[in-house]
Amino acid sequence: MITILYFARFREKLGVGQEQLELPEHGDVTVQTVLDILAARGGQWAELFECERGVLAAINQDMVSRESSVYDGDELALFPPVTGG
């Protein structure tokens, strides 16, 4: 089981700041695997997490790519890219 933290517009649109997610028992689970699981929920979830871009991730407070592995006990933070000026 992992803890997923949602930040910024993800938290606002989904109405949730965090949740626990049971990982699939088969194969290597990556950040992309988790995003696919979330997008499969449909609706707002699909709109936010089916995209090729627009999601940044950190595992245990370290920035990672979508190909990074996720393990039981990890904390996965998901947030949109931030633009500044």
N, C-alpha and C. Protein backbone atom coordinates (compact mmCIF):
# COMPACT_ATOMS: atom_id res chain seq x y z
N MET A 1 0.85 -1.18 0.00
CA MET A 1 0.00 0.00 0.00
C MET A 1 0.89 1.24 0.00
N ILE A 2 0.50 2.23 -0.81
CA ILE A 2 1.21 3.50 -0.83
C ILE A 2 0.28 4.62 -0.41
N THR A 3 0.87 5.74 -0.03
CA THR A 3 0.10 6.94 0.25
C THR A 3 0.30 7.87 -0.93
N ILE A 4 -0.82 8.34 -1.50
CA ILE A 4 -0.76 9.31 -2.59
C ILE A 4 -1.20 10.66 -2.04
N LEU A 5 -0.38 11.67 -2.28
CA LEU A 5 -0.69 13.04 -1.88
C LEU A 5 -1.01 13.84 -3.14
N TYR A 6 -2.11 14.59 -3.12
CA TYR A 6 -2.52 15.42 -4.24
C TYR A 6 -2.33 16.89 -3.87
N PHE A 7 -1.74 17.66 -4.79
CA PHE A 7 -1.46 19.06 -4.52
C PHE A 7 -2.10 19.97 -5.56
N ALA A 8 -2.24 21.24 -5.19
CA ALA A 8 -2.71 22.33 -6.05
C ALA A 8 -4.04 21.97 -6.71
N ARG A 9 -4.14 22.14 -8.04
CA ARG A 9 -5.43 21.94 -8.70
C ARG A 9 -5.90 20.49 -8.64
N PHE A 10 -4.98 19.54 -8.47
CA PHE A 10 -5.41 18.14 -8.33
C PHE A 10 -6.27 18.00 -7.07
N ARG A 11 -5.79 18.57 -5.98
CA ARG A 11 -6.54 18.52 -4.71
C ARG A 11 -7.87 19.25 -4.86
N GLU A 12 -7.84 20.41 -5.50
CA GLU A 12 -9.05 21.20 -5.67
C GLU A 12 -10.09 20.47 -6.52
N LYS A 13 -9.68 19.93 -7.66
CA LYS A 13 -10.63 19.29 -8.57
C LYS A 13 -11.15 17.95 -8.05
N LEU A 14 -10.29 17.21 -7.35
CA LEU A 14 -10.68 15.88 -6.86
C LEU A 14 -11.36 15.94 -5.50
N GLY A 15 -11.13 17.02 -4.76
CA GLY A 15 -11.72 17.15 -3.44
C GLY A 15 -11.10 16.22 -2.41
N VAL A 16 -9.86 15.81 -2.66
CA VAL A 16 -9.16 14.93 -1.73
C VAL A 16 -7.69 15.33 -1.70
N GLY A 17 -7.11 15.32 -0.51
CA GLY A 17 -5.71 15.69 -0.35
C GLY A 17 -4.77 14.51 -0.34
N GLN A 18 -5.29 13.35 0.09
CA GLN A 18 -4.47 12.14 0.10
C GLN A 18 -5.34 10.91 0.18
N GLU A 19 -4.76 9.78 -0.18
CA GLU A 19 -5.45 8.49 -0.08
C GLU A 19 -4.43 7.37 0.00
N GLN A 20 -4.90 6.22 0.42
CA GLN A 20 -4.10 5.01 0.43
C GLN A 20 -4.49 4.19 -0.80
N LEU A 21 -3.51 3.59 -1.47
CA LEU A 21 -3.78 2.79 -2.65
C LEU A 21 -3.03 1.47 -2.55
N GLU A 22 -3.75 0.39 -2.71
CA GLU A 22 -3.14 -0.94 -2.73
C GLU A 22 -2.49 -1.14 -4.10
N LEU A 23 -1.23 -1.53 -4.12
CA LEU A 23 -0.52 -1.74 -5.37
C LEU A 23 -0.87 -3.10 -5.97
N PRO A 24 -0.86 -3.19 -7.31
CA PRO A 24 -1.05 -4.50 -7.95
C PRO A 24 0.07 -5.44 -7.52
N GLU A 25 -0.23 -6.71 -7.42
CA GLU A 25 0.76 -7.68 -6.92
C GLU A 25 1.67 -8.21 -8.01
N HIS A 26 1.37 -7.93 -9.25
CA HIS A 26 2.15 -8.48 -10.34
C HIS A 26 3.05 -7.43 -10.99
N GLY A 27 4.25 -7.82 -11.34
CA GLY A 27 5.15 -6.97 -12.11
C GLY A 27 5.67 -5.75 -11.40
N ASP A 28 6.47 -5.00 -12.14
CA ASP A 28 7.05 -3.77 -11.64
C ASP A 28 6.00 -2.67 -11.68
N VAL A 29 5.77 -2.02 -10.57
CA VAL A 29 4.81 -0.93 -10.50
C VAL A 29 5.58 0.38 -10.60
N THR A 30 5.20 1.21 -11.57
CA THR A 30 5.86 2.50 -11.78
C THR A 30 4.88 3.63 -11.49
N VAL A 31 5.40 4.84 -11.52
CA VAL A 31 4.54 6.01 -11.38
C VAL A 31 3.47 5.97 -12.47
N GLN A 32 3.86 5.60 -13.69
CA GLN A 32 2.89 5.54 -14.79
C GLN A 32 1.80 4.51 -14.50
N THR A 33 2.15 3.39 -13.89
CA THR A 33 1.15 2.39 -13.50
C THR A 33 0.11 3.02 -12.58
N VAL A 34 0.57 3.77 -11.60
CA VAL A 34 -0.34 4.41 -10.65
C VAL A 34 -1.22 5.43 -11.37
N LEU A 35 -0.62 6.22 -12.26
CA LEU A 35 -1.40 7.20 -13.02
C LEU A 35 -2.47 6.51 -13.86
N ASP A 36 -2.14 5.37 -14.44
CA ASP A 36 -3.11 4.61 -15.23
C ASP A 36 -4.25 4.10 -14.35
N ILE A 37 -3.93 3.64 -13.15
CA ILE A 37 -4.96 3.17 -12.21
C ILE A 37 -5.90 4.32 -11.85
N LEU A 38 -5.33 5.48 -11.58
CA LEU A 38 -6.15 6.64 -11.23
C LEU A 38 -7.01 7.09 -12.41
N ALA A 39 -6.44 7.14 -13.60
CA ALA A 39 -7.18 7.57 -14.79
C ALA A 39 -8.33 6.62 -15.11
N ALA A 40 -8.17 5.34 -14.80
CA ALA A 40 -9.21 4.34 -15.07
C ALA A 40 -10.48 4.59 -14.25
N ARG A 41 -10.40 5.44 -13.25
CA ARG A 41 -11.58 5.78 -12.45
C ARG A 41 -12.58 6.62 -13.26
N GLY A 42 -12.10 7.22 -14.35
CA GLY A 42 -12.97 8.02 -15.22
C GLY A 42 -13.20 9.42 -14.70
N GLY A 43 -14.03 10.17 -15.42
CA GLY A 43 -14.39 11.53 -15.02
C GLY A 43 -13.19 12.44 -14.83
N GLN A 44 -13.21 13.19 -13.73
CA GLN A 44 -12.12 14.11 -13.40
C GLN A 44 -10.77 13.40 -13.32
N TRP A 45 -10.80 12.17 -12.81
CA TRP A 45 -9.56 11.39 -12.67
C TRP A 45 -8.91 11.20 -14.03
N ALA A 46 -9.70 10.80 -15.02
CA ALA A 46 -9.17 10.58 -16.36
C ALA A 46 -8.66 11.89 -16.96
N GLU A 47 -9.42 12.96 -16.79
CA GLU A 47 -9.01 14.26 -17.32
C GLU A 47 -7.66 14.70 -16.78
N LEU A 48 -7.42 14.44 -15.51
CA LEU A 48 -6.19 14.90 -14.87
C LEU A 48 -5.00 13.97 -15.11
N PHE A 49 -5.24 12.66 -15.19
CA PHE A 49 -4.11 11.73 -15.18
C PHE A 49 -3.88 10.93 -16.45
N GLU A 50 -4.73 11.07 -17.47
CA GLU A 50 -4.50 10.37 -18.73
C GLU A 50 -3.49 11.09 -19.63
N CYS A 51 -3.18 12.31 -19.31
CA CYS A 51 -2.34 13.13 -20.18
C CYS A 51 -0.88 12.66 -20.20
N GLU A 52 -0.23 12.94 -21.32
CA GLU A 52 1.19 12.61 -21.45
C GLU A 52 2.06 13.57 -20.63
N ARG A 53 1.57 14.78 -20.46
CA ARG A 53 2.31 15.78 -19.70
C ARG A 53 1.37 16.35 -18.65
N GLY A 54 1.87 17.21 -17.83
CA GLY A 54 1.00 17.89 -16.89
C GLY A 54 0.91 17.26 -15.52
N VAL A 55 1.74 16.25 -15.26
CA VAL A 55 1.78 15.64 -13.93
C VAL A 55 3.24 15.50 -13.51
N LEU A 56 3.58 16.10 -12.40
CA LEU A 56 4.91 15.91 -11.80
C LEU A 56 4.74 14.98 -10.61
N ALA A 57 5.78 14.21 -10.33
CA ALA A 57 5.70 13.23 -9.25
C ALA A 57 6.96 13.25 -8.40
N ALA A 58 6.75 12.94 -7.13
CA ALA A 58 7.87 12.76 -6.19
C ALA A 58 7.58 11.53 -5.35
N ILE A 59 8.60 10.71 -5.17
CA ILE A 59 8.49 9.55 -4.29
C ILE A 59 9.35 9.82 -3.07
N ASN A 60 8.71 9.78 -1.92
CA ASN A 60 9.41 10.05 -0.66
C ASN A 60 10.21 11.36 -0.73
N GLN A 61 9.57 12.37 -1.32
CA GLN A 61 10.06 13.74 -1.42
C GLN A 61 11.23 13.93 -2.39
N ASP A 62 11.46 12.95 -3.28
CA ASP A 62 12.46 13.09 -4.33
C ASP A 62 11.75 13.10 -5.68
N MET A 63 12.02 14.11 -6.51
CA MET A 63 11.41 14.17 -7.83
C MET A 63 11.80 12.94 -8.65
N VAL A 64 10.82 12.39 -9.37
CA VAL A 64 11.05 11.17 -10.15
C VAL A 64 10.36 11.28 -11.51
N SER A 65 10.68 10.34 -12.39
CA SER A 65 10.04 10.26 -13.70
C SER A 65 8.89 9.25 -13.63
N ARG A 66 8.12 9.19 -14.70
CA ARG A 66 7.00 8.25 -14.77
C ARG A 66 7.47 6.80 -14.80
N GLU A 67 8.72 6.57 -15.16
CA GLU A 67 9.26 5.22 -15.23
C GLU A 67 9.82 4.73 -13.90
N SER A 68 9.84 5.59 -12.90
CA SER A 68 10.38 5.23 -11.59
C SER A 68 9.49 4.22 -10.89
N SER A 69 10.10 3.27 -10.22
CA SER A 69 9.37 2.22 -9.50
C SER A 69 8.78 2.74 -8.20
N VAL A 70 7.61 2.20 -7.87
CA VAL A 70 6.91 2.54 -6.64
C VAL A 70 6.79 1.25 -5.82
N TYR A 71 7.09 1.33 -4.53
CA TYR A 71 7.07 0.15 -3.66
C TYR A 71 6.13 0.36 -2.48
N ASP A 72 5.67 -0.74 -1.90
CA ASP A 72 4.84 -0.66 -0.70
C ASP A 72 5.51 0.23 0.33
N GLY A 73 4.71 1.08 0.95
CA GLY A 73 5.21 1.98 1.98
C GLY A 73 5.67 3.33 1.45
N ASP A 74 5.77 3.48 0.13
CA ASP A 74 6.20 4.76 -0.44
C ASP A 74 5.11 5.82 -0.31
N GLU A 75 5.56 7.06 -0.34
CA GLU A 75 4.66 8.20 -0.41
C GLU A 75 4.86 8.81 -1.80
N LEU A 76 3.79 8.84 -2.57
CA LEU A 76 3.83 9.38 -3.94
C LEU A 76 3.07 10.69 -3.96
N ALA A 77 3.76 11.78 -4.26
CA ALA A 77 3.13 13.09 -4.36
C ALA A 77 2.92 13.42 -5.83
N LEU A 78 1.71 13.87 -6.16
CA LEU A 78 1.37 14.24 -7.53
C LEU A 78 0.95 15.69 -7.56
N PHE A 79 1.52 16.45 -8.50
CA PHE A 79 1.16 17.85 -8.60
C PHE A 79 1.37 18.35 -10.02
N PRO A 80 0.63 19.39 -10.41
CA PRO A 80 0.78 19.93 -11.76
C PRO A 80 2.04 20.77 -11.85
N PRO A 81 2.55 20.91 -13.08
CA PRO A 81 3.71 21.80 -13.25
C PRO A 81 3.31 23.23 -12.87
N VAL A 82 4.25 23.96 -12.38
CA VAL A 82 3.98 25.34 -11.96
C VAL A 82 4.74 26.27 -12.89
N THR A 83 4.05 27.26 -13.39
CA THR A 83 4.73 28.28 -14.19
C THR A 83 4.82 29.53 -13.36
N GLY A 84 5.88 30.21 -13.52
CA GLY A 84 6.08 31.43 -12.75
C GLY A 84 6.51 32.56 -13.64
N GLY A 85 6.56 33.73 -13.07
CA GLY A 85 6.97 34.87 -13.87
C GLY A 85 7.70 35.87 -13.06
